[in-house]
C-alpha atoms as a PDB file:
ATOM      1  CA  UNK A   1      14.012 -13.751   4.077  1.00  0.00           C
ATOM      2  CA  UNK A   2      14.756 -12.921   0.462  1.00  0.00           C
ATOM      3  CA  UNK A   3      12.260 -15.801  -0.533  1.00  0.00           C
ATOM      4  CA  UNK A   4       9.504 -14.162   1.439  1.00  0.00           C
ATOM      5  CA  UNK A   5      10.029 -10.896   0.113  1.00  0.00           C
ATOM      6  CA  UNK A   6       9.891 -12.242  -3.454  1.00  0.00           C
ATOM      7  CA  UNK A   7       6.635 -13.966  -2.669  1.00  0.00           C
ATOM      8  CA  UNK A   8       5.172 -10.799  -1.537  1.00  0.00           C
ATOM      9  CA  UNK A   9       6.211  -9.302  -4.815  1.00  0.00           C
ATOM     10  CA  UNK A  10       4.441 -12.164  -6.839  1.00  0.00           C
ATOM     11  CA  UNK A  11       1.424 -11.348  -4.780  1.00  0.00           C
ATOM     12  CA  UNK A  12       1.550  -7.990  -5.641  1.00  0.00           C
ATOM     13  CA  UNK A  13       1.811  -8.518  -9.351  1.00  0.00           C
ATOM     14  CA  UNK A  14      -1.267 -10.829  -9.018  1.00  0.00           C
ATOM     15  CA  UNK A  15      -3.331  -8.548  -6.866  1.00  0.00           C
ATOM     16  CA  UNK A  16      -2.858  -5.647  -9.135  1.00  0.00           C
ATOM     17  CA  UNK A  17      -4.401  -7.035 -12.075  1.00  0.00           C
ATOM     18  CA  UNK A  18      -7.854  -6.982 -10.666  1.00  0.00           C
ATOM     19  CA  UNK A  19     -10.179  -4.632  -8.841  1.00  0.00           C
ATOM     20  CA  UNK A  20     -10.026  -6.490  -5.581  1.00  0.00           C
ATOM     21  CA  UNK A  21      -7.861  -3.869  -4.030  1.00  0.00           C
ATOM     22  CA  UNK A  22      -8.813  -0.705  -6.089  1.00  0.00           C
ATOM     23  CA  UNK A  23     -10.091   2.366  -4.267  1.00  0.00           C
ATOM     24  CA  UNK A  24     -11.815   5.472  -5.674  1.00  0.00           C
ATOM     25  CA  UNK A  25      -9.307   7.762  -7.763  1.00  0.00           C
ATOM     26  CA  UNK A  26      -8.096  11.164  -6.095  1.00  0.00           C
ATOM     27  CA  UNK A  27     -10.173  13.866  -7.801  1.00  0.00           C
ATOM     28  CA  UNK A  28      -8.060  16.435  -6.570  1.00  0.00           C
ATOM     29  CA  UNK A  29      -4.691  17.127  -5.035  1.00  0.00           C
ATOM     30  CA  UNK A  30      -3.420  17.534  -1.212  1.00  0.00           C
ATOM     31  CA  UNK A  31      -0.980  19.498   0.653  1.00  0.00           C
ATOM     32  CA  UNK A  32       1.265  17.197   2.178  1.00  0.00           C
ATOM     33  CA  UNK A  33       4.257  18.033   4.351  1.00  0.00           C
ATOM     34  CA  UNK A  34       3.824  21.507   3.360  1.00  0.00           C
ATOM     35  CA  UNK A  35       3.934  20.609  -0.397  1.00  0.00           C
ATOM     36  CA  UNK A  36       1.168  20.768  -2.999  1.00  0.00           C
ATOM     37  CA  UNK A  37       0.840  17.459  -4.562  1.00  0.00           C
ATOM     38  CA  UNK A  38      -1.516  16.652  -7.649  1.00  0.00           C
ATOM     39  CA  UNK A  39      -4.098  14.362  -7.957  1.00  0.00           C
ATOM     40  CA  UNK A  40      -2.308  12.933 -11.101  1.00  0.00           C
ATOM     41  CA  UNK A  41       0.675  12.276  -8.937  1.00  0.00           C
ATOM     42  CA  UNK A  42      -1.511  10.707  -6.287  1.00  0.00           C
ATOM     43  CA  UNK A  43      -3.172   8.245  -8.501  1.00  0.00           C
ATOM     44  CA  UNK A  44      -0.005   7.291 -10.003  1.00  0.00           C
ATOM     45  CA  UNK A  45       1.361   6.613  -6.652  1.00  0.00           C
ATOM     46  CA  UNK A  46      -1.558   4.498  -5.652  1.00  0.00           C
ATOM     47  CA  UNK A  47      -1.236   2.391  -8.877  1.00  0.00           C
ATOM     48  CA  UNK A  48       2.271   1.977  -8.150  1.00  0.00           C
ATOM     49  CA  UNK A  49       1.743   1.191  -4.561  1.00  0.00           C
ATOM     50  CA  UNK A  50      -0.611  -1.518  -5.226  1.00  0.00           C
ATOM     51  CA  UNK A  51       1.513  -3.074  -7.972  1.00  0.00           C
ATOM     52  CA  UNK A  52       5.078  -2.781  -5.658  1.00  0.00           C
ATOM     53  CA  UNK A  53       4.183  -2.424  -2.144  1.00  0.00           C
ATOM     54  CA  UNK A  54       0.702  -3.560  -0.881  1.00  0.00           C
ATOM     55  CA  UNK A  55       1.560  -7.057  -0.315  1.00  0.00           C
ATOM     56  CA  UNK A  56       3.890  -6.213   2.553  1.00  0.00           C
ATOM     57  CA  UNK A  57       2.650  -2.709   3.713  1.00  0.00           C
ATOM     58  CA  UNK A  58      -1.193  -3.398   3.290  1.00  0.00           C
ATOM     59  CA  UNK A  59      -3.670  -1.925   1.278  1.00  0.00           C
ATOM     60  CA  UNK A  60      -4.607   0.545   4.088  1.00  0.00           C
ATOM     61  CA  UNK A  61      -0.894   1.571   4.631  1.00  0.00           C
ATOM     62  CA  UNK A  62      -1.204  -0.328   8.172  1.00  0.00           C
ATOM     63  CA  UNK A  63       1.885  -2.857   7.607  1.00  0.00           C
ATOM     64  CA  UNK A  64      -0.602  -5.672   7.583  1.00  0.00           C
ATOM     65  CA  UNK A  65      -0.360  -7.073   3.931  1.00  0.00           C
ATOM     66  CA  UNK A  66      -0.934 -10.583   3.091  1.00  0.00           C
ATOM     67  CA  UNK A  67       3.039 -11.100   3.416  1.00  0.00           C
ATOM     68  CA  UNK A  68       3.435  -9.277   6.613  1.00  0.00           C
ATOM     69  CA  UNK A  69       2.642 -12.143   9.155  1.00  0.00           C
ATOM     70  CA  UNK A  70       6.100 -13.799   8.046  1.00  0.00           C
ATOM     71  CA  UNK A  71       8.125 -10.651   8.215  1.00  0.00           C
ATOM     72  CA  UNK A  72      10.883  -9.842  10.988  1.00  0.00           C
ATOM     73  CA  UNK A  73      10.981  -6.869  11.329  1.00  0.00           C
ATOM     74  CA  UNK A  74       7.479  -6.469  10.327  1.00  0.00           C
ATOM     75  CA  UNK A  75       6.811  -3.804   7.461  1.00  0.00           C
ATOM     76  CA  UNK A  76       6.198  -0.184   8.525  1.00  0.00           C
ATOM     77  CA  UNK A  77       2.874   1.130   9.357  1.00  0.00           C
ATOM     78  CA  UNK A  78       2.546   4.259   7.178  1.00  0.00           C
ATOM     79  CA  UNK A  79      -0.310   5.456   9.335  1.00  0.00           C
ATOM     80  CA  UNK A  80       1.819   6.543  12.052  1.00  0.00           C
ATOM     81  CA  UNK A  81       4.091   8.823  10.218  1.00  0.00           C
ATOM     82  CA  UNK A  82       6.916   7.354  11.953  1.00  0.00           C
ATOM     83  CA  UNK A  83      10.121   6.204  10.110  1.00  0.00           C
ATOM     84  CA  UNK A  84      12.988   4.827  11.679  1.00  0.00           C
ATOM     85  CA  UNK A  85      15.833   6.302   9.256  1.00  0.00           C
ATOM     86  CA  UNK A  86      14.403   9.830   8.499  1.00  0.00           C
ATOM     87  CA  UNK A  87      17.737  11.457   8.720  1.00  0.00           C
ATOM     88  CA  UNK A  88      15.914  14.434  10.899  1.00  0.00           C
ATOM     89  CA  UNK A  89      15.467  14.499  14.829  1.00  0.00           C
ATOM     90  CA  UNK A  90      13.672  11.575  16.235  1.00  0.00           C
ATOM     91  CA  UNK A  91      10.117  11.757  15.486  1.00  0.00           C
ATOM     92  CA  UNK A  92       9.987  14.354  12.905  1.00  0.00           C
ATOM     93  CA  UNK A  93       8.919  13.811   9.434  1.00  0.00           C
ATOM     94  CA  UNK A  94      11.596  12.975   6.917  1.00  0.00           C
ATOM     95  CA  UNK A  95      12.226  14.516   3.500  1.00  0.00           C
ATOM     96  CA  UNK A  96      11.587  13.273   0.444  1.00  0.00           C
ATOM     97  CA  UNK A  97      15.162  12.442  -0.586  1.00  0.00           C
ATOM     98  CA  UNK A  98      15.701  10.422   2.525  1.00  0.00           C
ATOM     99  CA  UNK A  99      12.595   8.429   1.672  1.00  0.00           C
ATOM    100  CA  UNK A 100      13.559   7.895  -1.894  1.00  0.00           C
ATOM    101  CA  UNK A 101      16.779   6.487  -0.734  1.00  0.00           C
ATOM    102  CA  UNK A 102      15.330   3.988   1.459  1.00  0.00           C
ATOM    103  CA  UNK A 103      13.080   2.771  -1.334  1.00  0.00           C
ATOM    104  CA  UNK A 104      15.869   2.691  -3.909  1.00  0.00           C
ATOM    105  CA  UNK A 105      18.510   1.060  -1.642  1.00  0.00           C
ATOM    106  CA  UNK A 106      16.488  -0.906   0.783  1.00  0.00           C
ATOM    107  CA  UNK A 107      17.300  -1.634   4.282  1.00  0.00           C
ATOM    108  CA  UNK A 108      20.038  -4.064   4.853  1.00  0.00           C
ATOM    109  CA  UNK A 109      19.249  -7.354   6.909  1.00  0.00           C
ATOM    110  CA  UNK A 110      15.298  -6.796   6.496  1.00  0.00           C
ATOM    111  CA  UNK A 111      12.814  -7.930   3.939  1.00  0.00           C
ATOM    112  CA  UNK A 112      12.770  -4.373   2.513  1.00  0.00           C
ATOM    113  CA  UNK A 113      14.919  -4.965  -0.605  1.00  0.00           C
ATOM    114  CA  UNK A 114      16.150  -2.410  -3.166  1.00  0.00           C
ATOM    115  CA  UNK A 115      13.476  -1.600  -5.657  1.00  0.00           C
ATOM    116  CA  UNK A 116      14.280  -1.058  -9.526  1.00  0.00           C
ATOM    117  CA  UNK A 117      11.545   1.134 -10.433  1.00  0.00           C
ATOM    118  CA  UNK A 118      11.638   4.538 -12.379  1.00  0.00           C
ATOM    119  CA  UNK A 119      12.099   7.787 -10.785  1.00  0.00           C
ATOM    120  CA  UNK A 120       8.562   8.839 -11.685  1.00  0.00           C
ATOM    121  CA  UNK A 121       6.923   5.873 -10.022  1.00  0.00           C
ATOM    122  CA  UNK A 122       9.276   6.025  -6.804  1.00  0.00           C
ATOM    123  CA  UNK A 123       8.444   9.795  -6.374  1.00  0.00           C
ATOM    124  CA  UNK A 124       4.641   9.146  -6.863  1.00  0.00           C
ATOM    125  CA  UNK A 125       4.801   6.264  -4.233  1.00  0.00           C
ATOM    126  CA  UNK A 126       6.467   8.585  -1.903  1.00  0.00           C
ATOM    127  CA  UNK A 127       3.730  11.013  -2.313  1.00  0.00           C
ATOM    128  CA  UNK A 128       0.962   8.521  -1.985  1.00  0.00           C
ATOM    129  CA  UNK A 129       2.278   6.826   1.227  1.00  0.00           C
ATOM    130  CA  UNK A 130       1.815  10.267   2.845  1.00  0.00           C
ATOM    131  CA  UNK A 131      -1.866  10.046   2.477  1.00  0.00           C
ATOM    132  CA  UNK A 132      -1.880   7.200   5.005  1.00  0.00           C
ATOM    133  CA  UNK A 133      -1.078   9.503   7.890  1.00  0.00           C
ATOM    134  CA  UNK A 134      -2.829  12.816   9.211  1.00  0.00           C
ATOM    135  CA  UNK A 135       0.572  14.133  10.399  1.00  0.00           C
ATOM    136  CA  UNK A 136       1.653  15.074   6.682  1.00  0.00           C
ATOM    137  CA  UNK A 137      -1.460  17.174   6.325  1.00  0.00           C
ATOM    138  CA  UNK A 138      -0.502  19.236   9.708  1.00  0.00           C
ATOM    139  CA  UNK A 139       3.287  19.272   9.838  1.00  0.00           C
ATOM    140  CA  UNK A 140       6.385  19.689   7.605  1.00  0.00           C
ATOM    141  CA  UNK A 141       9.528  17.686   7.408  1.00  0.00           C
ATOM    142  CA  UNK A 142      12.178  18.308  10.164  1.00  0.00           C
ATOM    143  CA  UNK A 143      15.429  19.897   9.566  1.00  0.00           C
ATOM    144  CA  UNK A 144      17.764  17.410   7.740  1.00  0.00           C
ATOM    145  CA  UNK A 145      20.791  16.387   9.966  1.00  0.00           C
ATOM    146  CA  UNK A 146      23.668  16.026   7.404  1.00  0.00           C
ATOM    147  CA  UNK A 147      27.223  15.049   8.323  1.00  0.00           C
ATOM    148  CA  UNK A 148      29.780  17.753   9.210  1.00  0.00           C
ATOM    149  CA  UNK A 149      33.208  17.713   8.417  1.00  0.00           C
ATOM    150  CA  UNK A 150      35.184  15.224  10.201  1.00  0.00           C
ATOM    151  CA  UNK A 151      37.562  16.592  12.611  1.00  0.00           C
ATOM    152  CA  UNK A 152      39.384  13.309  12.961  1.00  0.00           C
ATOM    153  CA  UNK A 153      40.859  13.269   9.214  1.00  0.00           C
ATOM    154  CA  UNK A 154      44.425  11.904   9.436  1.00  0.00           C
ATOM    155  CA  UNK A 155      43.896  11.011  13.065  1.00  0.00           C
ATOM    156  CA  UNK A 156      41.531   7.819  12.418  1.00  0.00           C
ATOM    157  CA  UNK A 157      43.455   5.484  14.871  1.00  0.00           C
ATOM    158  CA  UNK A 158      43.032   8.204  17.774  1.00  0.00           C
ATOM    159  CA  UNK A 159      39.310   8.547  16.904  1.00  0.00           C
ATOM    160  CA  UNK A 160      38.538   5.046  17.284  1.00  0.00           C
ATOM    161  CA  UNK A 161      40.374   4.923  20.847  1.00  0.00           C
ATOM    162  CA  UNK A 162      38.360   7.853  21.888  1.00  0.00           C
ATOM    163  CA  UNK A 163      35.182   6.489  20.511  1.00  0.00           C
ATOM    164  CA  UNK A 164      36.045   3.246  22.132  1.00  0.00           C
ATOM    165  CA  UNK A 165      35.764   4.800  25.523  1.00  0.00           C
ATOM    166  CA  UNK A 166      32.238   6.951  24.539  1.00  0.00           C
ATOM    167  CA  UNK A 167      30.821   3.569  23.670  1.00  0.00           C
ATOM    168  CA  UNK A 168      31.698   1.588  26.471  1.00  0.00           C
ATOM    169  CA  UNK A 169      32.093   3.908  29.317  1.00  0.00           C
ATOM    170  CA  UNK A 170      29.559   6.266  31.216  1.00  0.00           C
ATOM    171  CA  UNK A 171      30.375   9.654  32.759  1.00  0.00           C
ATOM    172  CA  UNK A 172      32.472  12.540  31.780  1.00  0.00           C
ATOM    173  CA  UNK A 173      35.892  12.484  30.639  1.00  0.00           C
ATOM    174  CA  UNK A 174      38.029  15.604  31.555  1.00  0.00           C
ATOM    175  CA  UNK A 175      40.929  17.341  29.955  1.00  0.00           C
ATOM    176  CA  UNK A 176      44.283  18.092  31.587  1.00  0.00           C
ATOM    177  CA  UNK A 177      42.482  21.079  33.433  1.00  0.00           C
ATOM    178  CA  UNK A 178      39.454  19.411  34.802  1.00  0.00           C
ATOM    179  CA  UNK A 179      37.206  20.743  32.043  1.00  0.00           C
ATOM    180  CA  UNK A 180      34.625  18.359  30.500  1.00  0.00           C
ATOM    181  CA  UNK A 181      36.019  17.003  27.272  1.00  0.00           C
ATOM    182  CA  UNK A 182      34.147  13.947  25.896  1.00  0.00           C
ATOM    183  CA  UNK A 183      30.714  12.844  27.337  1.00  0.00           C
ATOM    184  CA  UNK A 184      30.960   9.006  27.779  1.00  0.00           C
ATOM    185  CA  UNK A 185      27.371   7.597  26.930  1.00  0.00           C
ATOM    186  CA  UNK A 186      27.629   3.993  27.360  1.00  0.00           C
ATOM    187  CA  UNK A 187      26.329   2.622  24.012  1.00  0.00           C
ATOM    188  CA  UNK A 188      27.186  -1.129  25.455  1.00  0.00           C
ATOM    189  CA  UNK A 189      24.356  -0.756  27.734  1.00  0.00           C
ATOM    190  CA  UNK A 190      22.164  -1.615  24.795  1.00  0.00           C
ATOM    191  CA  UNK A 191      24.620  -2.938  22.177  1.00  0.00           C
ATOM    192  CA  UNK A 192      27.148  -5.563  23.032  1.00  0.00           C
ATOM    193  CA  UNK A 193      30.437  -4.503  24.638  1.00  0.00           C
ATOM    194  CA  UNK A 194      33.740  -5.434  22.539  1.00  0.00           C
ATOM    195  CA  UNK A 195      36.495  -5.036  25.240  1.00  0.00           C
ATOM    196  CA  UNK A 196      37.364  -7.345  28.043  1.00  0.00           C
ATOM    197  CA  UNK A 197      36.095  -6.453  31.501  1.00  0.00           C
ATOM    198  CA  UNK A 198      39.670  -5.707  32.782  1.00  0.00           C
ATOM    199  CA  UNK A 199      40.276  -3.158  30.225  1.00  0.00           C
ATOM    200  CA  UNK A 200      36.904  -1.599  30.722  1.00  0.00           C
ATOM    201  CA  UNK A 201      37.771  -1.263  34.492  1.00  0.00           C
ATOM    202  CA  UNK A 202      41.048   0.088  33.575  1.00  0.00           C
ATOM    203  CA  UNK A 203      39.729   2.830  31.073  1.00  0.00           C
ATOM    204  CA  UNK A 204      36.964   3.851  33.577  1.00  0.00           C
ATOM    205  CA  UNK A 205      39.577   4.371  36.237  1.00  0.00           C
ATOM    206  CA  UNK A 206      41.773   6.190  34.121  1.00  0.00           C
ATOM    207  CA  UNK A 207      39.490   8.402  32.410  1.00  0.00           C
ATOM    208  CA  UNK A 208      36.421   8.983  34.820  1.00  0.00           C
ATOM    209  CA  UNK A 209      38.457   8.199  38.165  1.00  0.00           C
ATOM    210  CA  UNK A 210      36.107   5.522  38.976  1.00  0.00           C
ATOM    211  CA  UNK A 211      35.676   1.869  38.115  1.00  0.00           C
ATOM    212  CA  UNK A 212      32.456   1.070  36.513  1.00  0.00           C
ATOM    213  CA  UNK A 213      29.340   0.429  38.660  1.00  0.00           C
ATOM    214  CA  UNK A 214      27.822  -3.093  39.166  1.00  0.00           C
ATOM    215  CA  UNK A 215      31.082  -4.738  38.285  1.00  0.00           C
ATOM    216  CA  UNK A 216      29.395  -8.317  38.299  1.00  0.00           C
ATOM    217  CA  UNK A 217      26.953  -7.009  35.549  1.00  0.00           C
ATOM    218  CA  UNK A 218      29.648  -6.468  33.066  1.00  0.00           C
ATOM    219  CA  UNK A 219      29.537 -10.009  32.024  1.00  0.00           C
ATOM    220  CA  UNK A 220      25.972  -9.326  30.585  1.00  0.00           C
ATOM    221  CA  UNK A 221      27.199  -6.721  28.259  1.00  0.00           C
ATOM    222  CA  UNK A 222      28.350  -9.049  25.459  1.00  0.00           C
ATOM    223  CA  UNK A 223      24.800  -9.680  24.221  1.00  0.00           C
ATOM    224  CA  UNK A 224      22.668  -7.099  22.985  1.00  0.00           C
ATOM    225  CA  UNK A 225      19.209  -6.679  25.208  1.00  0.00           C
ATOM    226  CA  UNK A 226      15.717  -6.469  24.071  1.00  0.00           C
ATOM    227  CA  UNK A 227      14.167  -2.891  24.088  1.00  0.00           C
ATOM    228  CA  UNK A 228      10.665  -2.187  24.031  1.00  0.00           C
ATOM    229  CA  UNK A 229       9.790   0.092  21.065  1.00  0.00           C
ATOM    230  CA  UNK A 230       6.927   2.440  20.047  1.00  0.00           C
ATOM    231  CA  UNK A 231       5.744   0.159  17.417  1.00  0.00           C
ATOM    232  CA  UNK A 232       2.899  -1.973  17.627  1.00  0.00           C
ATOM    233  CA  UNK A 233       1.967  -5.290  15.661  1.00  0.00           C
ATOM    234  CA  UNK A 234      -1.687  -5.934  16.374  1.00  0.00           C
ATOM    235  CA  UNK A 235      -1.890  -5.426  19.972  1.00  0.00           C
ATOM    236  CA  UNK A 236       1.677  -6.130  21.092  1.00  0.00           C
ATOM    237  CA  UNK A 237       4.406  -3.813  21.519  1.00  0.00           C
ATOM    238  CA  UNK A 238       7.330  -4.778  19.176  1.00  0.00           C
ATOM    239  CA  UNK A 239      10.640  -5.212  20.962  1.00  0.00           C
ATOM    240  CA  UNK A 240      13.851  -4.411  19.109  1.00  0.00           C
ATOM    241  CA  UNK A 241      17.232  -6.247  19.605  1.00  0.00           C
ATOM    242  CA  UNK A 242      20.105  -3.401  19.201  1.00  0.00           C
ATOM    243  CA  UNK A 243      22.450  -4.841  16.382  1.00  0.00           C
ATOM    244  CA  UNK A 244      25.724  -6.501  17.196  1.00  0.00           C
ATOM    245  CA  UNK A 245      27.899  -4.567  14.754  1.00  0.00           C
ATOM    246  CA  UNK A 246      30.258  -7.234  14.108  1.00  0.00           C
ATOM    247  CA  UNK A 247      27.563  -9.796  13.315  1.00  0.00           C
ATOM    248  CA  UNK A 248      24.382  -8.026  11.967  1.00  0.00           C
ATOM    249  CA  UNK A 249      23.878  -6.060   8.958  1.00  0.00           C
ATOM    250  CA  UNK A 250      23.702  -2.463   9.347  1.00  0.00           C
ATOM    251  CA  UNK A 251      20.245  -1.342   7.961  1.00  0.00           C
ATOM    252  CA  UNK A 252      20.931   1.992   6.637  1.00  0.00           C
ATOM    253  CA  UNK A 253      24.364   2.643   5.218  1.00  0.00           C
ATOM    254  CA  UNK A 254      27.889   1.911   6.388  1.00  0.00           C
ATOM    255  CA  UNK A 255      29.706   4.797   4.987  1.00  0.00           C
ATOM    256  CA  UNK A 256      31.085   7.233   7.665  1.00  0.00           C
ATOM    257  CA  UNK A 257      28.501   9.886   6.644  1.00  0.00           C
ATOM    258  CA  UNK A 258      25.580   7.785   6.875  1.00  0.00           C
ATOM    259  CA  UNK A 259      26.640   6.292  10.182  1.00  0.00           C
ATOM    260  CA  UNK A 260      27.177   9.729  11.342  1.00  0.00           C
ATOM    261  CA  UNK A 261      23.631  10.562  10.370  1.00  0.00           C
ATOM    262  CA  UNK A 262      22.087   7.403  11.877  1.00  0.00           C
ATOM    263  CA  UNK A 263      24.006   8.248  15.417  1.00  0.00           C
ATOM    264  CA  UNK A 264      23.157  11.896  15.159  1.00  0.00           C
ATOM    265  CA  UNK A 265      19.613  11.540  14.378  1.00  0.00           C
ATOM    266  CA  UNK A 266      18.792   8.434  16.241  1.00  0.00           C
ATOM    267  CA  UNK A 267      16.316   5.781  15.304  1.00  0.00           C
ATOM    268  CA  UNK A 268      12.480   6.945  15.801  1.00  0.00           C
ATOM    269  CA  UNK A 269      10.448   4.549  17.590  1.00  0.00           C
ATOM    270  CA  UNK A 270      13.513   2.671  19.044  1.00  0.00           C
ATOM    271  CA  UNK A 271      15.528   3.005  22.102  1.00  0.00           C
ATOM    272  CA  UNK A 272      18.310   4.643  19.858  1.00  0.00           C
ATOM    273  CA  UNK A 273      18.224   8.473  20.862  1.00  0.00           C
ATOM    274  CA  UNK A 274      19.451  11.319  18.739  1.00  0.00           C
ATOM    275  CA  UNK A 275      22.973  12.300  19.853  1.00  0.00           C
ATOM    276  CA  UNK A 276      23.176  15.420  18.039  1.00  0.00           C
ATOM    277  CA  UNK A 277      23.505  18.218  20.586  1.00  0.00           C
ATOM    278  CA  UNK A 278      24.061  15.847  23.281  1.00  0.00           C
ATOM    279  CA  UNK A 279      27.657  14.751  22.101  1.00  0.00           C
ATOM    280  CA  UNK A 280      29.835  17.700  20.346  1.00  0.00           C
ATOM    281  CA  UNK A 281      31.018  17.136  16.810  1.00  0.00           C
ATOM    282  CA  UNK A 282      34.451  15.632  17.887  1.00  0.00           C
ATOM    283  CA  UNK A 283      32.621  13.021  20.078  1.00  0.00           C
ATOM    284  CA  UNK A 284      30.080  12.309  17.471  1.00  0.00           C
ATOM    285  CA  UNK A 285      32.679  11.688  14.718  1.00  0.00           C
ATOM    286  CA  UNK A 286      34.965   9.676  17.152  1.00  0.00           C
ATOM    287  CA  UNK A 287      32.028   7.276  17.989  1.00  0.00           C
ATOM    288  CA  UNK A 288      31.170   6.956  14.093  1.00  0.00           C
ATOM    289  CA  UNK A 289      34.902   5.922  13.538  1.00  0.00           C
ATOM    290  CA  UNK A 290      34.736   3.321  16.201  1.00  0.00           C
ATOM    291  CA  UNK A 291      31.623   1.674  15.023  1.00  0.00           C
ATOM    292  CA  UNK A 292      32.784   1.853  11.470  1.00  0.00           C
ATOM    293  CA  UNK A 293      35.748  -0.302  12.902  1.00  0.00           C
ATOM    294  CA  UNK A 294      33.534  -2.758  14.313  1.00  0.00           C
ATOM    295  CA  UNK A 295      31.431  -3.112  11.133  1.00  0.00           C
ATOM    296  CA  UNK A 296      35.008  -3.882   9.395  1.00  0.00           C
ATOM    297  CA  UNK A 297      35.017  -7.185  11.580  1.00  0.00           C
ATOM    298  CA  UNK A 298      31.669  -8.443  10.386  1.00  0.00           C
ATOM    299  CA  UNK A 299      31.972 -11.627   8.580  1.00  0.00           C
ATOM    300  CA  UNK A 300      35.458 -12.284   9.569  1.00  0.00           C
ATOM    301  CA  UNK A 301      37.207 -14.791  11.754  1.00  0.00           C
ATOM    302  CA  UNK A 302      38.488 -12.144  13.771  1.00  0.00           C
ATOM    303  CA  UNK A 303      34.729 -11.341  14.884  1.00  0.00           C
ATOM    304  CA  UNK A 304      34.164 -14.884  15.757  1.00  0.00           C
ATOM    305  CA  UNK A 305      37.310 -14.949  18.068  1.00  0.00           C
ATOM    306  CA  UNK A 306      36.501 -11.655  19.621  1.00  0.00           C
ATOM    307  CA  UNK A 307      32.845 -13.152  20.483  1.00  0.00           C
ATOM    308  CA  UNK A 308      34.214 -16.192  22.017  1.00  0.00           C
ATOM    309  CA  UNK A 309      36.778 -14.469  23.968  1.00  0.00           C
ATOM    310  CA  UNK A 310      34.373 -11.754  25.464  1.00  0.00           C
ATOM    311  CA  UNK A 311      31.672 -14.335  26.263  1.00  0.00           C
ATOM    312  CA  UNK A 312      34.230 -16.656  28.222  1.00  0.00           C
ATOM    313  CA  UNK A 313      35.630 -14.281  30.453  1.00  0.00           C
ATOM    314  CA  UNK A 314      35.657 -14.632  34.263  1.00  0.00           C
ATOM    315  CA  UNK A 315      34.509 -11.858  36.043  1.00  0.00           C
ATOM    316  CA  UNK A 316      37.199 -10.290  38.507  1.00  0.00           C
ATOM    317  CA  UNK A 317      36.213  -9.941  42.157  1.00  0.00           C
ATOM    318  CA  UNK A 318      35.117  -6.400  42.821  1.00  0.00           C
ATOM    319  CA  UNK A 319      37.502  -4.049  44.625  1.00  0.00           C
ATOM    320  CA  UNK A 320      36.748  -3.455  48.616  1.00  0.00           C
ATOM    321  CA  UNK A 321      35.015  -0.198  49.181  1.00  0.00           C
ATOM    322  CA  UNK A 322      37.068   2.159  51.531  1.00  0.00           C
ATOM    323  CA  UNK A 323      34.795   1.817  54.282  1.00  0.00           C
ATOM    324  CA  UNK A 324      35.251  -1.948  54.144  1.00  0.00           C
ATOM    325  CA  UNK A 325      38.833  -1.679  53.832  1.00  0.00           C
ATOM    326  CA  UNK A 326      39.066   0.790  56.747  1.00  0.00           C
ATOM    327  CA  UNK A 327      37.044  -2.040  58.975  1.00  0.00           C
ATOM    328  CA  UNK A 328      39.679  -4.320  58.273  1.00  0.00           C
ATOM    329  CA  UNK A 329      42.711  -1.874  59.383  1.00  0.00           C
ATOM    330  CA  UNK A 330      43.748  -2.690  62.971  1.00  0.00           C
END
């Protein structure tokens, strides 16, 4: 994948030398995302974009540059104004500093590599790509979702255990007085499960008062499952594979604060919803700590052992229902 990206860069260097991909210069500025952008900045952005970006993202910003067919995931189509990692509520426009971070740092495990360019070039490119979508003319960026204070500081081991339940179970976990304490959102319905079936059954029974539904289907939860997205490649809807945190690179940062933002804001256009406002802060941070604990396993022998153990389980028989048990009673 790195060679493909390098090839794209070389094409970009060659293409920008001639007039093949030139377009009329901007003669006046525009208001984009609620901010006035000068014609000079847009023209600088056009030139820098042609130099660095068009080979993947296309001269029209449609994600269909000459190197795009060999790239997975495919390059972003800027015409939609949709960005997976915007750090804002799903579907809203991102702020410049978050777009800048993506260009500067890249996206792990994808052809989008870190770009070593000047702050001026990067800033101009960010303004220029806004010209591809009408949304930037009509809308302003959403409210940035930033990491709050971590309520689990000093109690990280407890946070991981709570996060494990939030990740694997579905339902509501009540406190000692019977009041809702944690909403259990079942991340493992898309991402892989990382606990044994027997442990999952025991946790569900203990914290929700009932065993998991469809016990026989639990064995299928040790692989990520393809999910339809809102992204198109030509006439085809792109399917997205939720990552296995113990094996796949995390695209948008692995620090606790970065993971919190991704979980809280969701991933636009994908099946990953925004959990801010659905989960309380204690739950969001517990889930963040648990995901971080899984990422620590990536690249280790422990991750391989865990996967093999989980994949080779025998599904225990489902417990008889009360009705079935009553029929057998003499």
